[in-house]
Amino acid sequence: MFASRQTHGVIGVITFLFFIFSSALSFATSASITASGNEGAISVNANASFTSYEYCVGEDPPECWTVDWGFLTVSLYRESDGYTMGLGSVSGEGSVSFSTILDGGSISQGTYLLRAVATDSESVTSTSNASITIDNTPTVTVSSPGLVEGAFTIDGTTQFKERVDGYEGMVYVSALGTFGAYKNFEGTDITWNWNDFPNAEPLDAGSYTNGDYTVIARAKAYNGAWSEDAIGTLTIDNTPTVT
């Protein structure tokens, strides 16, 4: 504490100037973050610890106190275009933790950085990143019924990546070159039949001309990723016989 004395006539004015001194007791500001995987329910866990600073005022002896407060922010950053989504933040003294669940089935395709930033009371920061890659491309198969006659059906399978909340994706099937059927499915391992599709018209070989036909099946994940086409074939031969 320093003092200066100024005198104006008989009036004395004493001005006291206080200085606050600070020092770091331990440099500990740090951040860490981990992710459990790249699909389905992705557990994200972040931690931060903060430097403890000692502040003192006055002298002989000084009055001192410590501050170890800070905050942690967590975000999801897409490397391809810089898109950033905040996941949350938490503050506290000494250290803090943050956790959340990402739904990989609802996140667009691409490589992302999960980023944790710890900021202490002196605005010192520490950053930690964890990388995840979202690839929800489904796979699909379709049967080749071969020679068909009368009423017939088409079967297939589809594998989706898990989505935590809601349907995983859509299957679309085109048969006989004239119409298609589609349906949203929940689940990751799907076995489907043409008759499962609510807008599917009955398949009746007797209504079509003779020839070879192609069946095309494709699947679309909830996040917009399309499968490659699966191709099946069938043959219609309604040639009658007479004796």
C-alpha atoms as a PDB file:
ATOM      1  CA  MET A   1       0.000   0.000   0.000  1.00  0.00           C
ATOM      2  CA  PHE A   2       1.344   3.374  -1.005  1.00  0.00           C
ATOM      3  CA  ALA A   3       0.129   6.745   0.204  1.00  0.00           C
ATOM      4  CA  SER A   4       0.697  10.285  -1.005  1.00  0.00           C
ATOM      5  CA  ARG A   5      -0.097  13.434   0.959  1.00  0.00           C
ATOM      6  CA  GLN A   6      -1.268  16.655  -0.635  1.00  0.00           C
ATOM      7  CA  THR A   7      -1.939  19.833   1.410  1.00  0.00           C
ATOM      8  CA  HIS A   8      -4.134  22.688   0.267  1.00  0.00           C
ATOM      9  CA  GLY A   9      -4.240  25.372   2.958  1.00  0.00           C
ATOM     10  CA  VAL A  10      -5.383  23.742   6.157  1.00  0.00           C
ATOM     11  CA  ILE A  11      -7.141  20.863   4.426  1.00  0.00           C
ATOM     12  CA  GLY A  12      -5.135  17.687   4.063  1.00  0.00           C
ATOM     13  CA  VAL A  13      -6.203  15.048   1.551  1.00  0.00           C
ATOM     14  CA  ILE A  14      -4.706  11.593   1.782  1.00  0.00           C
ATOM     15  CA  THR A  15      -5.023   9.372  -1.286  1.00  0.00           C
ATOM     16  CA  PHE A  16      -4.390   5.641  -0.938  1.00  0.00           C
ATOM     17  CA  LEU A  17      -3.395   3.627  -3.984  1.00  0.00           C
ATOM     18  CA  PHE A  18      -4.025  -0.112  -3.737  1.00  0.00           C
ATOM     19  CA  PHE A  19      -2.235  -2.630  -5.950  1.00  0.00           C
ATOM     20  CA  ILE A  20      -3.467  -6.196  -6.391  1.00  0.00           C
ATOM     21  CA  PHE A  21      -0.766  -8.728  -7.121  1.00  0.00           C
ATOM     22  CA  SER A  22      -1.538 -12.142  -8.609  1.00  0.00           C
ATOM     23  CA  SER A  23       0.496 -15.266  -9.155  1.00  0.00           C
ATOM     24  CA  ALA A  24      -0.264 -18.792 -10.297  1.00  0.00           C
ATOM     25  CA  LEU A  25       0.055 -21.337  -7.526  1.00  0.00           C
ATOM     26  CA  SER A  26       0.013 -24.150 -10.098  1.00  0.00           C
ATOM     27  CA  PHE A  27      -0.383 -24.058 -13.859  1.00  0.00           C
ATOM     28  CA  ALA A  28      -3.066 -26.668 -14.414  1.00  0.00           C
ATOM     29  CA  THR A  29      -5.500 -25.374 -17.039  1.00  0.00           C
ATOM     30  CA  SER A  30      -6.103 -28.288 -19.400  1.00  0.00           C
ATOM     31  CA  ALA A  31      -8.857 -29.957 -21.429  1.00  0.00           C
ATOM     32  CA  SER A  32      -9.486 -33.484 -22.686  1.00  0.00           C
ATOM     33  CA  ILE A  33     -12.235 -35.111 -24.759  1.00  0.00           C
ATOM     34  CA  THR A  34     -13.056 -38.638 -25.950  1.00  0.00           C
ATOM     35  CA  ALA A  35     -15.718 -40.234 -28.161  1.00  0.00           C
ATOM     36  CA  SER A  36     -16.890 -43.852 -28.009  1.00  0.00           C
ATOM     37  CA  GLY A  37     -17.198 -44.524 -31.745  1.00  0.00           C
ATOM     38  CA  ASN A  38     -18.435 -43.318 -35.137  1.00  0.00           C
ATOM     39  CA  GLU A  39     -22.017 -44.575 -35.394  1.00  0.00           C
ATOM     40  CA  GLY A  40     -25.210 -45.032 -33.428  1.00  0.00           C
ATOM     41  CA  ALA A  41     -25.123 -43.697 -29.876  1.00  0.00           C
ATOM     42  CA  ILE A  42     -21.758 -41.929 -29.563  1.00  0.00           C
ATOM     43  CA  SER A  43     -20.757 -41.138 -25.975  1.00  0.00           C
ATOM     44  CA  VAL A  44     -18.827 -37.878 -25.632  1.00  0.00           C
ATOM     45  CA  ASN A  45     -16.915 -37.169 -22.418  1.00  0.00           C
ATOM     46  CA  ALA A  46     -14.897 -34.017 -21.754  1.00  0.00           C
ATOM     47  CA  ASN A  47     -12.960 -32.829 -18.719  1.00  0.00           C
ATOM     48  CA  ALA A  48     -11.208 -29.621 -17.716  1.00  0.00           C
ATOM     49  CA  SER A  49      -9.030 -28.476 -14.835  1.00  0.00           C
ATOM     50  CA  PHE A  50      -8.159 -24.873 -14.038  1.00  0.00           C
ATOM     51  CA  THR A  51      -5.079 -23.066 -12.785  1.00  0.00           C
ATOM     52  CA  SER A  52      -5.287 -21.808  -9.195  1.00  0.00           C
ATOM     53  CA  TYR A  53      -4.277 -18.144  -8.957  1.00  0.00           C
ATOM     54  CA  GLU A  54      -3.378 -16.293  -5.759  1.00  0.00           C
ATOM     55  CA  TYR A  55      -4.360 -12.640  -5.507  1.00  0.00           C
ATOM     56  CA  CYS A  56      -2.924 -10.336  -2.846  1.00  0.00           C
ATOM     57  CA  VAL A  57      -3.584  -6.742  -1.838  1.00  0.00           C
ATOM     58  CA  GLY A  58      -1.720  -4.510   0.584  1.00  0.00           C
ATOM     59  CA  GLU A  59       1.482  -5.305   2.454  1.00  0.00           C
ATOM     60  CA  ASP A  60       2.893  -6.201   5.885  1.00  0.00           C
ATOM     61  CA  PRO A  61       1.118  -8.638   5.740  1.00  0.00           C
ATOM     62  CA  PRO A  62      -0.857  -8.650   2.475  1.00  0.00           C
ATOM     63  CA  GLU A  63      -4.413  -9.919   2.290  1.00  0.00           C
ATOM     64  CA  CYS A  64      -4.476 -12.892  -0.110  1.00  0.00           C
ATOM     65  CA  TRP A  65      -7.062 -15.222  -1.636  1.00  0.00           C
ATOM     66  CA  THR A  66      -7.134 -17.873  -4.365  1.00  0.00           C
ATOM     67  CA  VAL A  67      -9.308 -18.304  -7.457  1.00  0.00           C
ATOM     68  CA  ASP A  68      -9.450 -21.551  -9.463  1.00  0.00           C
ATOM     69  CA  TRP A  69     -12.668 -20.944 -11.381  1.00  0.00           C
ATOM     70  CA  GLY A  70     -13.170 -21.630 -15.094  1.00  0.00           C
ATOM     71  CA  PHE A  71     -15.517 -22.977 -17.731  1.00  0.00           C
ATOM     72  CA  LEU A  72     -15.511 -25.745 -20.332  1.00  0.00           C
ATOM     73  CA  THR A  73     -17.215 -25.517 -23.741  1.00  0.00           C
ATOM     74  CA  VAL A  74     -17.762 -28.483 -26.061  1.00  0.00           C
ATOM     75  CA  SER A  75     -18.627 -28.275 -29.760  1.00  0.00           C
ATOM     76  CA  LEU A  76     -18.852 -30.360 -32.930  1.00  0.00           C
ATOM     77  CA  TYR A  77     -16.897 -29.003 -35.911  1.00  0.00           C
ATOM     78  CA  ARG A  78     -17.188 -30.308 -39.487  1.00  0.00           C
ATOM     79  CA  GLU A  79     -13.879 -30.054 -41.302  1.00  0.00           C
ATOM     80  CA  SER A  80     -15.264 -29.901 -44.859  1.00  0.00           C
ATOM     81  CA  ASP A  81     -17.113 -26.597 -44.503  1.00  0.00           C
ATOM     82  CA  GLY A  82     -16.422 -25.259 -41.016  1.00  0.00           C
ATOM     83  CA  TYR A  83     -19.940 -25.942 -39.719  1.00  0.00           C
ATOM     84  CA  THR A  84     -19.937 -25.783 -35.915  1.00  0.00           C
ATOM     85  CA  MET A  85     -22.610 -26.929 -33.471  1.00  0.00           C
ATOM     86  CA  GLY A  86     -22.348 -26.180 -29.770  1.00  0.00           C
ATOM     87  CA  LEU A  87     -22.955 -29.218 -27.584  1.00  0.00           C
ATOM     88  CA  GLY A  88     -22.878 -27.523 -24.194  1.00  0.00           C
ATOM     89  CA  SER A  89     -20.808 -25.846 -21.508  1.00  0.00           C
ATOM     90  CA  VAL A  90     -20.195 -26.130 -17.787  1.00  0.00           C
ATOM     91  CA  SER A  91     -18.363 -24.002 -15.221  1.00  0.00           C
ATOM     92  CA  GLY A  92     -16.957 -24.590 -11.769  1.00  0.00           C
ATOM     93  CA  GLU A  93     -13.982 -24.428  -9.441  1.00  0.00           C
ATOM     94  CA  GLY A  94     -10.912 -26.616  -9.748  1.00  0.00           C
ATOM     95  CA  SER A  95     -12.208 -29.031 -12.379  1.00  0.00           C
ATOM     96  CA  VAL A  96     -15.403 -29.842 -14.277  1.00  0.00           C
ATOM     97  CA  SER A  97     -16.777 -32.637 -16.463  1.00  0.00           C
ATOM     98  CA  PHE A  98     -19.242 -32.728 -19.349  1.00  0.00           C
ATOM     99  CA  SER A  99     -20.904 -35.673 -21.082  1.00  0.00           C
ATOM    100  CA  THR A 100     -23.527 -36.133 -23.770  1.00  0.00           C
ATOM    101  CA  ILE A 101     -24.741 -38.638 -26.358  1.00  0.00           C
ATOM    102  CA  LEU A 102     -24.552 -37.865 -30.079  1.00  0.00           C
ATOM    103  CA  ASP A 103     -26.924 -39.639 -32.456  1.00  0.00           C
ATOM    104  CA  GLY A 104     -24.631 -40.754 -35.260  1.00  0.00           C
ATOM    105  CA  GLY A 105     -27.624 -41.831 -37.330  1.00  0.00           C
ATOM    106  CA  SER A 106     -28.882 -38.237 -37.498  1.00  0.00           C
ATOM    107  CA  ILE A 107     -25.569 -36.532 -38.348  1.00  0.00           C
ATOM    108  CA  SER A 108     -24.647 -35.732 -41.957  1.00  0.00           C
ATOM    109  CA  GLN A 109     -21.853 -37.637 -43.664  1.00  0.00           C
ATOM    110  CA  GLY A 110     -18.330 -36.353 -43.060  1.00  0.00           C
ATOM    111  CA  THR A 111     -15.373 -36.067 -40.720  1.00  0.00           C
ATOM    112  CA  TYR A 112     -15.872 -34.033 -37.554  1.00  0.00           C
ATOM    113  CA  LEU A 113     -13.805 -32.739 -34.681  1.00  0.00           C
ATOM    114  CA  LEU A 114     -15.222 -32.887 -31.190  1.00  0.00           C
ATOM    115  CA  ARG A 115     -13.607 -29.903 -29.499  1.00  0.00           C
ATOM    116  CA  ALA A 116     -13.258 -29.138 -25.797  1.00  0.00           C
ATOM    117  CA  VAL A 117     -11.959 -25.717 -24.698  1.00  0.00           C
ATOM    118  CA  ALA A 118     -11.086 -24.965 -21.071  1.00  0.00           C
ATOM    119  CA  THR A 119     -10.834 -21.288 -20.045  1.00  0.00           C
ATOM    120  CA  ASP A 120      -9.625 -20.241 -16.594  1.00  0.00           C
ATOM    121  CA  SER A 121     -10.169 -17.035 -14.599  1.00  0.00           C
ATOM    122  CA  GLU A 122      -7.213 -15.339 -16.313  1.00  0.00           C
ATOM    123  CA  SER A 123      -8.582 -16.274 -19.777  1.00  0.00           C
ATOM    124  CA  VAL A 124      -5.850 -18.855 -20.305  1.00  0.00           C
ATOM    125  CA  THR A 125      -7.235 -21.574 -22.604  1.00  0.00           C
ATOM    126  CA  SER A 126      -6.484 -25.189 -23.389  1.00  0.00           C
ATOM    127  CA  THR A 127      -8.014 -27.096 -26.330  1.00  0.00           C
ATOM    128  CA  SER A 128      -8.441 -30.810 -26.970  1.00  0.00           C
ATOM    129  CA  ASN A 129      -9.889 -32.500 -30.083  1.00  0.00           C
ATOM    130  CA  ALA A 130     -11.234 -35.944 -30.912  1.00  0.00           C
ATOM    131  CA  SER A 131     -12.035 -36.963 -34.491  1.00  0.00           C
ATOM    132  CA  ILE A 132     -15.079 -38.949 -35.635  1.00  0.00           C
ATOM    133  CA  THR A 133     -16.136 -39.942 -39.148  1.00  0.00           C
ATOM    134  CA  ILE A 134     -19.817 -40.406 -39.934  1.00  0.00           C
ATOM    135  CA  ASP A 135     -20.522 -42.840 -42.770  1.00  0.00           C
ATOM    136  CA  ASN A 136     -24.081 -44.139 -42.640  1.00  0.00           C
ATOM    137  CA  THR A 137     -24.099 -45.545 -46.183  1.00  0.00           C
ATOM    138  CA  PRO A 138     -26.541 -48.482 -46.153  1.00  0.00           C
ATOM    139  CA  THR A 139     -26.213 -51.720 -48.097  1.00  0.00           C
ATOM    140  CA  VAL A 140     -29.047 -53.519 -49.867  1.00  0.00           C
ATOM    141  CA  THR A 141     -29.653 -56.820 -51.668  1.00  0.00           C
ATOM    142  CA  VAL A 142     -32.558 -57.971 -53.825  1.00  0.00           C
ATOM    143  CA  SER A 143     -33.609 -61.406 -55.004  1.00  0.00           C
ATOM    144  CA  SER A 144     -33.658 -62.599 -58.606  1.00  0.00           C
ATOM    145  CA  PRO A 145     -36.893 -64.607 -58.821  1.00  0.00           C
ATOM    146  CA  GLY A 146     -36.037 -66.105 -62.212  1.00  0.00           C
ATOM    147  CA  LEU A 147     -39.000 -67.396 -64.208  1.00  0.00           C
ATOM    148  CA  VAL A 148     -42.239 -66.234 -62.593  1.00  0.00           C
ATOM    149  CA  GLU A 149     -45.893 -66.801 -63.310  1.00  0.00           C
ATOM    150  CA  GLY A 150     -49.114 -65.635 -61.758  1.00  0.00           C
ATOM    151  CA  ALA A 151     -48.797 -63.739 -58.488  1.00  0.00           C
ATOM    152  CA  PHE A 152     -45.210 -63.446 -57.316  1.00  0.00           C
ATOM    153  CA  THR A 153     -43.149 -61.350 -54.916  1.00  0.00           C
ATOM    154  CA  ILE A 154     -39.663 -59.906 -54.476  1.00  0.00           C
ATOM    155  CA  ASP A 155     -37.485 -60.223 -51.370  1.00  0.00           C
ATOM    156  CA  GLY A 156     -34.411 -58.401 -50.166  1.00  0.00           C
ATOM    157  CA  THR A 157     -32.326 -57.253 -47.227  1.00  0.00           C
ATOM    158  CA  THR A 158     -30.971 -53.904 -46.059  1.00  0.00           C
ATOM    159  CA  GLN A 159     -28.380 -52.991 -43.451  1.00  0.00           C
ATOM    160  CA  PHE A 160     -28.590 -49.543 -41.869  1.00  0.00           C
ATOM    161  CA  LYS A 161     -26.360 -47.855 -39.308  1.00  0.00           C
ATOM    162  CA  GLU A 162     -28.149 -47.292 -36.013  1.00  0.00           C
ATOM    163  CA  ARG A 163     -30.134 -44.140 -35.369  1.00  0.00           C
ATOM    164  CA  VAL A 164     -30.923 -43.551 -31.704  1.00  0.00           C
ATOM    165  CA  ASP A 165     -34.329 -41.918 -32.069  1.00  0.00           C
ATOM    166  CA  GLY A 166     -36.617 -42.804 -34.968  1.00  0.00           C
ATOM    167  CA  TYR A 167     -36.439 -44.805 -38.167  1.00  0.00           C
ATOM    168  CA  GLU A 168     -33.052 -45.699 -39.659  1.00  0.00           C
ATOM    169  CA  GLY A 169     -33.863 -45.162 -43.321  1.00  0.00           C
ATOM    170  CA  MET A 170     -35.938 -45.878 -46.411  1.00  0.00           C
ATOM    171  CA  VAL A 171     -35.926 -48.756 -48.905  1.00  0.00           C
ATOM    172  CA  TYR A 172     -37.057 -48.133 -52.484  1.00  0.00           C
ATOM    173  CA  VAL A 173     -37.765 -50.952 -54.949  1.00  0.00           C
ATOM    174  CA  SER A 174     -38.614 -50.635 -58.628  1.00  0.00           C
ATOM    175  CA  ALA A 175     -40.023 -53.659 -60.420  1.00  0.00           C
ATOM    176  CA  LEU A 176     -41.054 -54.406 -63.990  1.00  0.00           C
ATOM    177  CA  GLY A 177     -39.846 -50.997 -65.132  1.00  0.00           C
ATOM    178  CA  THR A 178     -43.152 -49.238 -64.502  1.00  0.00           C
ATOM    179  CA  PHE A 179     -43.575 -48.468 -60.812  1.00  0.00           C
ATOM    180  CA  GLY A 180     -41.789 -48.419 -57.487  1.00  0.00           C
ATOM    181  CA  ALA A 181     -42.552 -48.924 -53.828  1.00  0.00           C
ATOM    182  CA  TYR A 182     -40.904 -47.407 -50.763  1.00  0.00           C
ATOM    183  CA  LYS A 183     -41.082 -47.582 -46.993  1.00  0.00           C
ATOM    184  CA  ASN A 184     -39.261 -46.225 -43.926  1.00  0.00           C
ATOM    185  CA  PHE A 185     -37.832 -48.939 -41.690  1.00  0.00           C
ATOM    186  CA  GLU A 186     -36.709 -48.982 -38.064  1.00  0.00           C
ATOM    187  CA  GLY A 187     -33.848 -51.313 -37.224  1.00  0.00           C
ATOM    188  CA  THR A 188     -30.401 -52.035 -38.570  1.00  0.00           C
ATOM    189  CA  ASP A 189     -30.810 -55.486 -40.178  1.00  0.00           C
ATOM    190  CA  ILE A 190     -33.935 -55.502 -42.314  1.00  0.00           C
ATOM    191  CA  THR A 191     -35.424 -58.374 -44.279  1.00  0.00           C
ATOM    192  CA  TRP A 192     -38.185 -57.052 -46.503  1.00  0.00           C
ATOM    193  CA  ASN A 193     -40.765 -58.334 -48.934  1.00  0.00           C
ATOM    194  CA  TRP A 194     -42.530 -56.499 -51.743  1.00  0.00           C
ATOM    195  CA  ASN A 195     -45.831 -56.901 -49.897  1.00  0.00           C
ATOM    196  CA  ASP A 196     -44.405 -54.958 -46.907  1.00  0.00           C
ATOM    197  CA  PHE A 197     -44.537 -51.709 -48.872  1.00  0.00           C
ATOM    198  CA  PRO A 198     -47.816 -49.839 -48.375  1.00  0.00           C
ATOM    199  CA  ASN A 199     -47.873 -48.380 -51.896  1.00  0.00           C
ATOM    200  CA  ALA A 200     -46.827 -51.584 -53.675  1.00  0.00           C
ATOM    201  CA  GLU A 201     -49.123 -52.816 -56.427  1.00  0.00           C
ATOM    202  CA  PRO A 202     -49.661 -56.582 -56.694  1.00  0.00           C
ATOM    203  CA  LEU A 203     -47.143 -58.338 -58.901  1.00  0.00           C
ATOM    204  CA  ASP A 204     -48.999 -60.415 -61.484  1.00  0.00           C
ATOM    205  CA  ALA A 205     -46.908 -61.993 -64.209  1.00  0.00           C
ATOM    206  CA  GLY A 206     -50.013 -62.638 -66.271  1.00  0.00           C
ATOM    207  CA  SER A 207     -50.475 -58.886 -66.747  1.00  0.00           C
ATOM    208  CA  TYR A 208     -47.114 -58.320 -68.451  1.00  0.00           C
ATOM    209  CA  THR A 209     -45.657 -59.170 -71.807  1.00  0.00           C
ATOM    210  CA  ASN A 210     -43.102 -61.902 -72.148  1.00  0.00           C
ATOM    211  CA  GLY A 211     -39.508 -60.897 -71.555  1.00  0.00           C
ATOM    212  CA  ASP A 212     -36.679 -60.355 -69.116  1.00  0.00           C
ATOM    213  CA  TYR A 213     -37.157 -57.671 -66.462  1.00  0.00           C
ATOM    214  CA  THR A 214     -34.895 -55.883 -64.030  1.00  0.00           C
ATOM    215  CA  VAL A 215     -35.614 -55.253 -60.356  1.00  0.00           C
ATOM    216  CA  ILE A 216     -33.752 -52.347 -58.718  1.00  0.00           C
ATOM    217  CA  ALA A 217     -33.500 -51.830 -54.964  1.00  0.00           C
ATOM    218  CA  ARG A 218     -31.780 -48.966 -53.182  1.00  0.00           C
ATOM    219  CA  ALA A 219     -31.738 -47.653 -49.635  1.00  0.00           C
ATOM    220  CA  LYS A 220     -31.384 -44.183 -48.152  1.00  0.00           C
ATOM    221  CA  ALA A 221     -30.200 -43.618 -44.582  1.00  0.00           C
ATOM    222  CA  TYR A 222     -31.941 -41.005 -42.457  1.00  0.00           C
ATOM    223  CA  ASN A 223     -28.946 -38.682 -42.830  1.00  0.00           C
ATOM    224  CA  GLY A 224     -29.272 -38.741 -46.631  1.00  0.00           C
ATOM    225  CA  ALA A 225     -26.631 -41.328 -47.558  1.00  0.00           C
ATOM    226  CA  TRP A 226     -27.685 -43.581 -50.460  1.00  0.00           C
ATOM    227  CA  SER A 227     -26.670 -47.175 -51.034  1.00  0.00           C
ATOM    228  CA  GLU A 228     -25.458 -48.508 -54.333  1.00  0.00           C
ATOM    229  CA  ASP A 229     -28.194 -50.050 -56.453  1.00  0.00           C
ATOM    230  CA  ALA A 230     -28.881 -53.748 -56.052  1.00  0.00           C
ATOM    231  CA  ILE A 231     -30.005 -55.439 -59.263  1.00  0.00           C
ATOM    232  CA  GLY A 232     -32.228 -58.484 -59.606  1.00  0.00           C
ATOM    233  CA  THR A 233     -33.746 -60.129 -62.660  1.00  0.00           C
ATOM    234  CA  LEU A 234     -36.874 -62.044 -63.505  1.00  0.00           C
ATOM    235  CA  THR A 235     -38.393 -63.574 -66.600  1.00  0.00           C
ATOM    236  CA  ILE A 236     -42.007 -63.676 -67.695  1.00  0.00           C
ATOM    237  CA  ASP A 237     -43.134 -66.238 -70.253  1.00  0.00           C
ATOM    238  CA  ASN A 238     -46.867 -66.509 -70.597  1.00  0.00           C
ATOM    239  CA  THR A 239     -46.722 -68.558 -73.798  1.00  0.00           C
ATOM    240  CA  PRO A 240     -49.722 -70.880 -73.746  1.00  0.00           C
ATOM    241  CA  THR A 241     -49.688 -74.460 -74.906  1.00  0.00           C
ATOM    242  CA  VAL A 242     -52.456 -76.144 -76.799  1.00  0.00           C
ATOM    243  CA  THR A 243     -53.230 -79.733 -77.711  1.00  0.00           C
END
